[in-house]
Amino acid sequence: MGQASRGGRTAELERRLGVFDAVVIGLGSMIGAGIFAALAPAARAAGSGLLVGLAVAAVVAYCNATSSARLAARHPQSGGTYVYGRERLGAFWGYVAGWGFVVGKTASCAAMALTVGSYVWPEQAHGVAVAAVVALTAVDYVGVQKAAWLTRAIVAVVLVVLAAVVVACLTSADARAGRLDTGPDTSVRGVLQAAGLLFFAFAGYARIATLAEEVRDPARTIPRAIPLALGITLVVYAAVAVSVLLVLGPARPAGESAPLAEAVRQAGAPGLAPVVRAGAAVAALGSLLALILGVSRTTLALSRDRRLPHVLSAVHPRFKVPHRAELLVGAVVAVLAATTDVRGAIGFSSFGVLTYYAVANACAWTLTERENRPPRVVPVVGLAGCLVLAFTLPASSVAWGAAVLLLGVAAYGVRSRITARGRS
């Protein structure tokens, strides 16, 4: 379906991103603050089963990535699973996916902004967070290619910092292989809860799909970029998690606000700890940049279909970006970052994003062989995994996530009734 065929829309984004840029944007989302922010709460949930939780999260993420890649190649429009759900399951399911993504990732944006503030200037964390949001919204505003260049630099810095953590831990005299053993503190629920929390760190490949309208040759580029980005991220995360556990064991990361910094101190490289903290701030900036990109593009898709105010569907004539959607997302995130503390929103965000990917896997099931569908087991495992992980998250995350999701459903119902009455 062409861009001008739905609701008379004619504004289009410009296809500027190749495979490398798409992979980098995915890496910027995943190899960002996730590994710095999600490791401690996941360790509290899983205990010595942390690596098992990481493996479960990786399996679910692989299924979701495969389903998303096949769908994005078939439907190369901004909006990701919102578009797939709308086209393959109906308007309601597309809206559920889009609402879950926008709400969950908006909270993630504020959390990442506050992470920057807490590392750069803890006493003025809110002010720094707002400044970061304003600066990165400005970068996004002047074009996706500019954002991709900045993301390249951020990813390079973060990879160097994480490599330093791995080397320091693996070469430490305090590293003990026995600390990787799974003990009696491990439970199935704890492992699944940890996997749901760690999923927060893997969910960035959605950014590649939501930017599909700005990718060159999407049928070829997206199926290559998504698994590449996910594979690199899995290798990096596994190396970091193993290295930290070798030095700290399974119990200590759970009680640390900055477990990677503590790991290098314990490993005998205290001078590296400030570098790790700086790397965490840079990583949070990378995540925030990619999140604003993704949320604004999903907002664009929703507004094109008048699920959000249609005025947000405008595309800047020069920069070829959804500038009004970006400005709105930036403003909302700035207000949240200035007035609240949502650094504990990992579970809430995971619930919304797992809902989003549950819909994506259901959509992938409808693909035919001619449409290059994945093996049937992939969307089945992906859908079941998303639902299980979503409802084994901490109870408060499930409660808040379900409440906000239902609020969006109620708004959809009211709007649909008003529209139906207007037509009658």
Protein backbone atom coordinates (compact mmCIF):
# COMPACT_ATOMS: atom_id res chain seq x y z
CA MET A 1 0.00 0.00 0.00
CA GLY A 2 1.57 3.28 -1.07
CA GLN A 3 2.22 6.23 1.14
CA ALA A 4 -0.43 8.32 -0.53
CA SER A 5 -3.12 5.67 -0.51
CA ARG A 6 -4.09 5.70 3.17
CA GLY A 7 -5.98 8.74 4.37
CA GLY A 8 -4.67 10.79 1.42
CA ARG A 9 -1.27 11.23 2.97
CA THR A 10 1.53 12.30 0.63
CA ALA A 11 4.40 13.25 2.94
CA GLU A 12 7.25 10.75 2.78
CA LEU A 13 10.49 10.25 4.62
CA GLU A 14 13.73 9.88 2.68
CA ARG A 15 15.62 6.57 2.36
CA ARG A 16 19.16 7.40 3.49
CA LEU A 17 20.27 4.48 5.68
CA GLY A 18 22.27 1.50 4.42
CA VAL A 19 23.06 -1.81 6.17
CA PHE A 20 25.93 -0.38 8.21
CA ASP A 21 23.93 2.61 9.45
CA ALA A 22 20.95 0.40 10.31
CA VAL A 23 23.18 -2.01 12.26
CA VAL A 24 24.80 0.89 14.12
CA ILE A 25 21.41 2.36 15.10
CA GLY A 26 20.36 -1.06 16.40
CA LEU A 27 23.62 -1.38 18.33
CA GLY A 28 23.20 2.12 19.71
CA SER A 29 19.84 1.06 21.12
CA MET A 30 20.98 -2.29 22.52
CA ILE A 31 24.64 -1.77 23.45
CA GLY A 32 23.59 1.28 25.36
CA ALA A 33 22.56 1.73 28.92
CA GLY A 34 20.79 -1.64 28.99
CA ILE A 35 23.80 -3.64 30.14
CA PHE A 36 24.62 -0.95 32.72
CA ALA A 37 21.03 -0.57 33.97
CA ALA A 38 19.48 -4.05 33.71
CA LEU A 39 22.23 -6.23 35.18
CA ALA A 40 21.60 -5.39 38.85
CA PRO A 41 17.79 -5.92 38.93
CA ALA A 42 18.18 -9.08 36.84
CA ALA A 43 20.78 -10.42 39.28
CA ARG A 44 18.41 -9.72 42.19
CA ALA A 45 15.71 -11.76 40.47
CA ALA A 46 17.79 -14.67 39.17
CA GLY A 47 20.60 -15.06 41.71
CA SER A 48 23.10 -17.55 40.35
CA GLY A 49 20.76 -18.23 37.41
CA LEU A 50 21.61 -14.87 35.81
CA LEU A 51 23.30 -16.41 32.77
CA VAL A 52 20.33 -18.73 32.25
CA GLY A 53 18.06 -15.68 32.32
CA LEU A 54 20.30 -13.99 29.75
CA ALA A 55 20.04 -17.07 27.50
CA VAL A 56 16.23 -17.12 27.76
CA ALA A 57 16.06 -13.40 26.94
CA ALA A 58 18.33 -14.00 23.94
CA VAL A 59 16.13 -16.82 22.58
CA VAL A 60 12.98 -14.69 22.82
CA ALA A 61 14.84 -11.72 21.32
CA TYR A 62 16.04 -13.90 18.41
CA CYS A 63 12.49 -15.02 17.62
CA ASN A 64 11.20 -11.47 17.85
CA ALA A 65 14.03 -10.16 15.68
CA THR A 66 13.44 -12.81 13.02
CA SER A 67 9.71 -12.13 12.91
CA SER A 68 10.29 -8.36 12.82
CA ALA A 69 12.87 -8.60 10.05
CA ARG A 70 10.58 -10.61 7.76
CA LEU A 71 7.66 -8.27 8.43
CA ALA A 72 9.69 -5.08 7.98
CA ALA A 73 10.93 -6.28 4.61
CA ARG A 74 7.31 -6.88 3.59
CA HIS A 75 5.96 -3.61 5.05
CA PRO A 76 8.78 -1.01 4.76
CA GLN A 77 6.96 1.87 6.46
CA SER A 78 7.64 3.83 9.63
CA GLY A 79 5.86 2.45 12.67
CA GLY A 80 7.13 -1.13 12.95
CA THR A 81 4.65 -3.51 14.55
CA TYR A 82 1.92 -0.87 14.56
CA VAL A 83 1.94 -1.12 10.75
CA TYR A 84 2.24 -4.93 10.70
CA GLY A 85 -0.63 -5.34 13.16
CA ARG A 86 -2.83 -2.91 11.25
CA GLU A 87 -2.20 -4.58 7.91
CA ARG A 88 -2.28 -8.24 8.99
CA LEU A 89 -4.46 -8.49 12.11
CA GLY A 90 -6.62 -5.38 11.97
CA ALA A 91 -6.61 -1.81 13.24
CA PHE A 92 -7.16 -2.73 16.89
CA TRP A 93 -4.11 -4.97 17.23
CA GLY A 94 -1.96 -2.48 15.38
CA TYR A 95 -3.06 0.19 17.82
CA VAL A 96 -2.34 -2.03 20.84
CA ALA A 97 1.20 -2.60 19.59
CA GLY A 98 1.77 1.06 18.79
CA TRP A 99 0.36 2.27 22.11
CA GLY A 100 2.44 -0.23 24.10
CA PHE A 101 5.57 0.84 22.27
CA VAL A 102 5.03 4.61 22.56
CA VAL A 103 4.12 4.54 26.26
CA GLY A 104 6.80 2.04 27.31
CA LYS A 105 9.57 3.66 25.30
CA THR A 106 8.65 7.19 26.37
CA ALA A 107 9.25 6.07 29.95
CA SER A 108 12.52 4.51 28.80
CA CYS A 109 13.56 7.81 27.22
CA ALA A 110 13.13 9.62 30.53
CA ALA A 111 14.94 6.82 32.37
CA MET A 112 17.91 7.02 29.99
CA ALA A 113 18.01 10.82 30.29
CA LEU A 114 18.10 10.56 34.08
CA THR A 115 20.81 7.90 33.82
CA VAL A 116 22.93 10.43 31.93
CA GLY A 117 22.28 13.01 34.64
CA SER A 118 23.04 10.67 37.53
CA TYR A 119 26.43 9.74 36.04
CA VAL A 120 27.48 13.18 34.76
CA TRP A 121 26.33 15.39 37.68
CA PRO A 122 24.36 13.49 40.34
CA GLU A 123 23.42 16.64 42.29
CA GLN A 124 21.82 18.16 39.18
CA ALA A 125 20.62 14.97 37.52
CA HIS A 126 17.26 16.39 36.41
CA GLY A 127 18.81 19.49 34.82
CA VAL A 128 21.41 17.45 32.94
CA ALA A 129 18.68 15.02 31.83
CA VAL A 130 16.59 17.82 30.33
CA ALA A 131 19.64 19.28 28.58
CA ALA A 132 20.43 15.86 27.10
CA VAL A 133 16.87 15.48 25.80
CA VAL A 134 16.92 18.94 24.20
CA ALA A 135 20.32 18.36 22.57
CA LEU A 136 19.47 14.92 21.14
CA THR A 137 16.04 16.02 19.95
CA ALA A 138 17.85 18.77 18.03
CA VAL A 139 20.20 16.18 16.48
CA ASP A 140 17.24 14.01 15.44
CA TYR A 141 15.45 17.06 14.05
CA VAL A 142 18.15 17.89 11.49
CA GLY A 143 18.04 14.45 9.89
CA VAL A 144 18.36 10.74 10.50
CA GLN A 145 21.79 10.65 8.81
CA LYS A 146 23.17 13.08 11.41
CA ALA A 147 21.75 10.87 14.16
CA ALA A 148 23.38 7.82 12.58
CA TRP A 149 26.80 9.52 12.53
CA LEU A 150 26.53 10.47 16.20
CA THR A 151 25.39 6.95 17.05
CA ARG A 152 28.49 5.52 15.35
CA ALA A 153 30.72 7.54 17.66
CA ILE A 154 28.73 6.57 20.76
CA VAL A 155 28.74 2.86 19.89
CA ALA A 156 32.52 2.95 19.33
CA VAL A 157 33.12 4.55 22.74
CA VAL A 158 30.82 2.13 24.58
CA LEU A 159 32.37 -0.94 22.91
CA VAL A 160 35.85 0.20 23.94
CA VAL A 161 34.69 0.70 27.55
CA LEU A 162 32.99 -2.70 27.69
CA ALA A 163 36.06 -4.36 26.18
CA ALA A 164 38.16 -2.77 28.93
CA VAL A 165 35.77 -4.19 31.57
CA VAL A 166 36.01 -7.67 30.08
CA VAL A 167 39.84 -7.60 29.85
CA ALA A 168 40.22 -6.24 33.40
CA CYS A 169 37.95 -8.92 34.84
CA LEU A 170 39.29 -11.88 32.85
CA THR A 171 42.90 -11.04 33.71
CA SER A 172 42.20 -10.41 37.39
CA ALA A 173 43.65 -12.67 40.08
CA ASP A 174 40.22 -12.49 41.77
CA ALA A 175 38.40 -14.20 38.87
CA ARG A 176 36.95 -17.57 39.92
CA ALA A 177 35.28 -19.98 37.49
CA GLY A 178 33.23 -21.49 40.31
CA ARG A 179 31.25 -18.25 40.60
CA LEU A 180 29.48 -19.15 37.37
CA ASP A 181 27.87 -22.26 38.88
CA THR A 182 24.09 -22.33 39.30
CA GLY A 183 23.17 -22.71 42.98
CA PRO A 184 20.06 -23.55 45.03
CA ASP A 185 18.96 -19.89 45.02
CA THR A 186 17.87 -20.28 41.39
CA SER A 187 14.16 -20.67 40.63
CA VAL A 188 12.20 -20.89 37.39
CA ARG A 189 10.24 -17.73 38.23
CA GLY A 190 13.42 -15.85 39.15
CA VAL A 191 15.10 -16.82 35.88
CA LEU A 192 12.04 -15.81 33.84
CA GLN A 193 11.75 -12.51 35.71
CA ALA A 194 15.42 -11.81 35.06
CA ALA A 195 14.92 -12.67 31.38
CA GLY A 196 12.05 -10.17 31.20
CA LEU A 197 14.21 -7.46 32.76
CA LEU A 198 17.19 -8.28 30.54
CA PHE A 199 14.89 -8.11 27.53
CA PHE A 200 14.95 -4.35 28.14
CA ALA A 201 18.58 -4.43 27.02
CA PHE A 202 17.88 -6.42 23.83
CA ALA A 203 14.82 -4.57 22.54
CA GLY A 204 16.74 -1.99 20.48
CA TYR A 205 16.54 -3.87 17.19
CA ALA A 206 12.97 -2.54 16.97
CA ARG A 207 14.54 0.78 16.04
CA ILE A 208 15.69 -0.68 12.72
CA ALA A 209 12.14 -1.78 11.91
CA THR A 210 10.51 1.47 13.00
CA LEU A 211 12.92 3.36 10.72
CA ALA A 212 12.06 1.11 7.75
CA GLU A 213 10.79 4.04 5.68
CA GLU A 214 14.24 5.65 5.89
CA VAL A 215 16.24 2.53 4.92
CA ARG A 216 17.55 2.00 1.39
CA ASP A 217 16.38 -1.25 -0.24
CA PRO A 218 14.52 -2.39 2.91
CA ALA A 219 13.71 -5.87 1.59
CA ARG A 220 17.45 -6.59 1.53
CA THR A 221 18.79 -4.24 4.22
CA ILE A 222 16.49 -4.96 7.17
CA PRO A 223 16.71 -8.80 7.17
CA ARG A 224 20.50 -8.40 7.21
CA ALA A 225 20.76 -5.55 9.72
CA ILE A 226 18.50 -6.90 12.49
CA PRO A 227 20.21 -10.30 13.04
CA LEU A 228 23.65 -8.69 12.70
CA ALA A 229 22.89 -6.12 15.38
CA LEU A 230 21.32 -8.73 17.67
CA GLY A 231 24.19 -11.20 17.21
CA ILE A 232 26.87 -8.62 18.03
CA THR A 233 24.90 -7.48 21.07
CA LEU A 234 24.47 -11.02 22.39
CA VAL A 235 28.20 -11.72 22.14
CA VAL A 236 29.04 -8.46 23.94
CA TYR A 237 26.46 -8.96 26.70
CA ALA A 238 27.47 -12.57 27.31
CA ALA A 239 31.15 -11.58 27.58
CA VAL A 240 30.37 -8.74 30.01
CA ALA A 241 28.01 -10.81 32.18
CA VAL A 242 30.46 -13.73 32.44
CA SER A 243 33.37 -11.39 33.24
CA VAL A 244 31.48 -9.54 35.99
CA LEU A 245 30.26 -12.80 37.56
CA LEU A 246 33.79 -14.25 37.55
CA VAL A 247 34.92 -11.36 39.76
CA LEU A 248 31.85 -10.47 41.84
CA GLY A 249 29.90 -13.72 41.90
CA PRO A 250 26.08 -13.83 41.57
CA ALA A 251 25.16 -12.03 44.81
CA ARG A 252 27.15 -8.79 44.71
CA PRO A 253 25.88 -7.39 41.38
CA ALA A 254 22.35 -7.44 42.81
CA GLY A 255 23.30 -4.93 45.50
CA GLU A 256 25.37 -2.57 43.36
CA SER A 257 24.03 0.52 41.59
CA ALA A 258 26.98 0.32 39.16
CA PRO A 259 28.04 -3.35 39.06
CA LEU A 260 30.44 -2.92 36.13
CA ALA A 261 32.34 -0.14 37.91
CA GLU A 262 32.48 -2.27 41.08
CA ALA A 263 33.73 -5.25 39.05
CA VAL A 264 36.75 -3.36 37.70
CA ARG A 265 37.54 -2.04 41.19
CA GLN A 266 37.41 -5.58 42.57
CA ALA A 267 39.52 -6.76 39.63
CA GLY A 268 42.36 -4.46 40.71
CA ALA A 269 41.80 -1.63 38.23
CA PRO A 270 40.22 1.15 40.35
CA GLY A 271 41.43 3.79 37.90
CA LEU A 272 39.14 2.27 35.28
CA ALA A 273 35.98 2.79 37.39
CA PRO A 274 35.51 6.49 36.43
CA VAL A 275 35.96 5.51 32.77
CA VAL A 276 33.23 2.90 33.16
CA ARG A 277 30.92 5.47 34.72
CA ALA A 278 31.62 7.87 31.84
CA GLY A 279 30.95 5.03 29.41
CA ALA A 280 27.60 4.41 31.09
CA ALA A 281 26.66 8.07 30.56
CA VAL A 282 27.67 7.90 26.89
CA ALA A 283 25.76 4.62 26.51
CA ALA A 284 22.64 6.21 27.99
CA LEU A 285 22.98 9.06 25.48
CA GLY A 286 23.11 6.52 22.65
CA SER A 287 20.02 4.76 23.91
CA LEU A 288 18.18 8.05 24.33
CA LEU A 289 19.06 9.15 20.79
CA ALA A 290 17.77 5.90 19.27
CA LEU A 291 14.68 5.85 21.51
CA ILE A 292 13.60 9.33 20.42
CA LEU A 293 14.01 8.21 16.81
CA GLY A 294 11.88 5.10 17.35
CA VAL A 295 9.09 6.69 19.40
CA SER A 296 8.73 9.63 17.00
CA ARG A 297 8.41 7.30 13.99
CA THR A 298 5.74 5.20 15.69
CA THR A 299 3.96 8.42 16.66
CA LEU A 300 4.14 9.44 12.99
CA ALA A 301 2.49 6.18 11.91
CA LEU A 302 -0.27 6.48 14.52
CA SER A 303 -0.98 10.09 13.55
CA ARG A 304 -1.12 9.23 9.84
CA ASP A 305 -4.03 6.94 10.67
CA ARG A 306 -5.52 9.57 13.02
CA ARG A 307 -5.02 7.37 16.09
CA LEU A 308 -3.11 10.40 17.38
CA PRO A 309 -3.65 14.02 16.24
CA HIS A 310 -3.10 14.16 12.47
CA VAL A 311 -0.99 17.32 12.79
CA LEU A 312 1.86 15.10 14.04
CA SER A 313 2.12 13.38 10.65
CA ALA A 314 3.95 16.32 9.04
CA VAL A 315 7.38 15.61 7.50
CA HIS A 316 9.92 18.45 7.35
CA PRO A 317 10.42 19.51 3.70
CA ARG A 318 14.18 19.95 4.10
CA PHE A 319 15.31 17.45 6.75
CA LYS A 320 12.79 14.73 5.78
CA VAL A 321 11.97 13.84 9.39
CA PRO A 322 8.65 13.81 11.31
CA HIS A 323 9.63 17.05 13.02
CA ARG A 324 6.39 17.71 14.90
CA ALA A 325 6.32 14.18 16.29
CA GLU A 326 9.97 14.52 17.34
CA LEU A 327 9.34 17.84 19.06
CA LEU A 328 6.32 16.45 20.93
CA VAL A 329 8.23 13.34 22.06
CA GLY A 330 11.17 15.51 23.13
CA ALA A 331 8.90 17.84 25.08
CA VAL A 332 7.08 15.03 26.90
CA VAL A 333 10.35 13.28 27.77
CA ALA A 334 11.88 16.57 28.98
CA VAL A 335 8.92 17.17 31.31
CA LEU A 336 9.13 13.62 32.68
CA ALA A 337 12.90 13.91 33.16
CA ALA A 338 12.49 17.25 34.96
CA THR A 339 9.70 16.21 37.32
CA THR A 340 9.95 12.49 38.01
CA ASP A 341 12.45 9.75 38.72
CA VAL A 342 11.72 6.85 36.39
CA ARG A 343 15.06 5.04 36.55
CA GLY A 344 13.11 2.12 37.98
CA ALA A 345 10.92 1.93 34.86
CA ILE A 346 12.75 -1.02 33.31
CA GLY A 347 9.98 -3.46 34.18
CA PHE A 348 7.24 -1.08 33.00
CA SER A 349 9.05 -0.54 29.70
CA SER A 350 9.63 -4.28 29.27
CA PHE A 351 5.91 -4.99 29.72
CA GLY A 352 4.96 -2.52 26.98
CA VAL A 353 7.64 -3.72 24.58
CA LEU A 354 6.90 -7.41 25.18
CA THR A 355 3.26 -6.65 24.29
CA TYR A 356 4.52 -4.98 21.12
CA TYR A 357 6.55 -8.03 20.12
CA ALA A 358 3.76 -10.46 21.00
CA VAL A 359 1.72 -8.73 18.30
CA ALA A 360 4.72 -8.87 15.93
CA ASN A 361 4.99 -12.64 16.33
CA ALA A 362 1.26 -13.06 15.78
CA CYS A 363 1.66 -11.05 12.57
CA ALA A 364 4.62 -13.19 11.46
CA TRP A 365 2.43 -16.30 11.79
CA THR A 366 0.22 -14.90 9.00
CA LEU A 367 3.10 -14.62 6.50
CA THR A 368 2.95 -17.07 3.60
CA GLU A 369 5.81 -19.00 2.02
CA ARG A 370 5.75 -16.54 -0.89
CA GLU A 371 6.24 -13.75 1.66
CA ASN A 372 9.36 -15.46 3.05
CA ARG A 373 7.80 -16.43 6.36
CA PRO A 374 10.11 -17.71 9.12
CA PRO A 375 9.90 -21.34 10.31
CA ARG A 376 6.61 -21.76 12.16
CA VAL A 377 8.37 -22.47 15.45
CA VAL A 378 9.87 -18.97 15.48
CA PRO A 379 6.66 -16.91 15.91
CA VAL A 380 5.19 -19.57 18.23
CA VAL A 381 8.17 -19.48 20.59
CA GLY A 382 8.38 -15.70 20.25
CA LEU A 383 4.69 -15.13 21.09
CA ALA A 384 4.67 -17.58 24.00
CA GLY A 385 7.97 -16.22 25.30
CA CYS A 386 6.74 -12.61 25.21
CA LEU A 387 3.57 -13.44 27.13
CA VAL A 388 5.36 -15.55 29.75
CA LEU A 389 8.10 -12.97 30.34
CA ALA A 390 5.59 -10.09 30.47
CA PHE A 391 3.54 -11.71 33.23
CA THR A 392 6.50 -12.90 35.30
CA LEU A 393 7.89 -9.37 35.63
CA PRO A 394 7.67 -7.76 39.09
CA ALA A 395 4.04 -7.40 40.17
CA SER A 396 4.17 -3.59 40.17
CA SER A 397 5.46 -3.57 36.57
CA VAL A 398 2.68 -5.91 35.46
CA ALA A 399 0.03 -3.86 37.28
CA TRP A 400 1.15 -0.50 35.89
CA GLY A 401 1.79 -1.90 32.43
CA ALA A 402 -1.62 -3.56 32.23
CA ALA A 403 -3.37 -0.44 33.58
CA VAL A 404 -1.76 1.86 31.00
CA LEU A 405 -2.43 -0.65 28.22
CA LEU A 406 -6.11 -0.83 29.21
CA LEU A 407 -6.27 2.96 29.34
CA GLY A 408 -5.10 3.07 25.75
CA VAL A 409 -7.64 0.41 24.75
CA ALA A 410 -10.41 2.44 26.40
CA ALA A 411 -9.32 5.55 24.50
CA TYR A 412 -9.35 3.54 21.26
CA GLY A 413 -12.90 2.37 21.97
CA VAL A 414 -14.15 5.89 22.70
CA ARG A 415 -12.51 7.31 19.59
CA SER A 416 -13.92 4.49 17.43
CA ARG A 417 -17.45 5.17 18.71
CA ILE A 418 -17.15 8.89 18.05
CA THR A 419 -15.87 8.19 14.53
CA ALA A 420 -18.70 5.72 13.87
CA ARG A 421 -21.33 8.21 15.03
CA GLY A 422 -19.82 10.89 12.82
CA ARG A 423 -20.18 8.64 9.79
CA SER A 424 -23.78 7.59 10.55
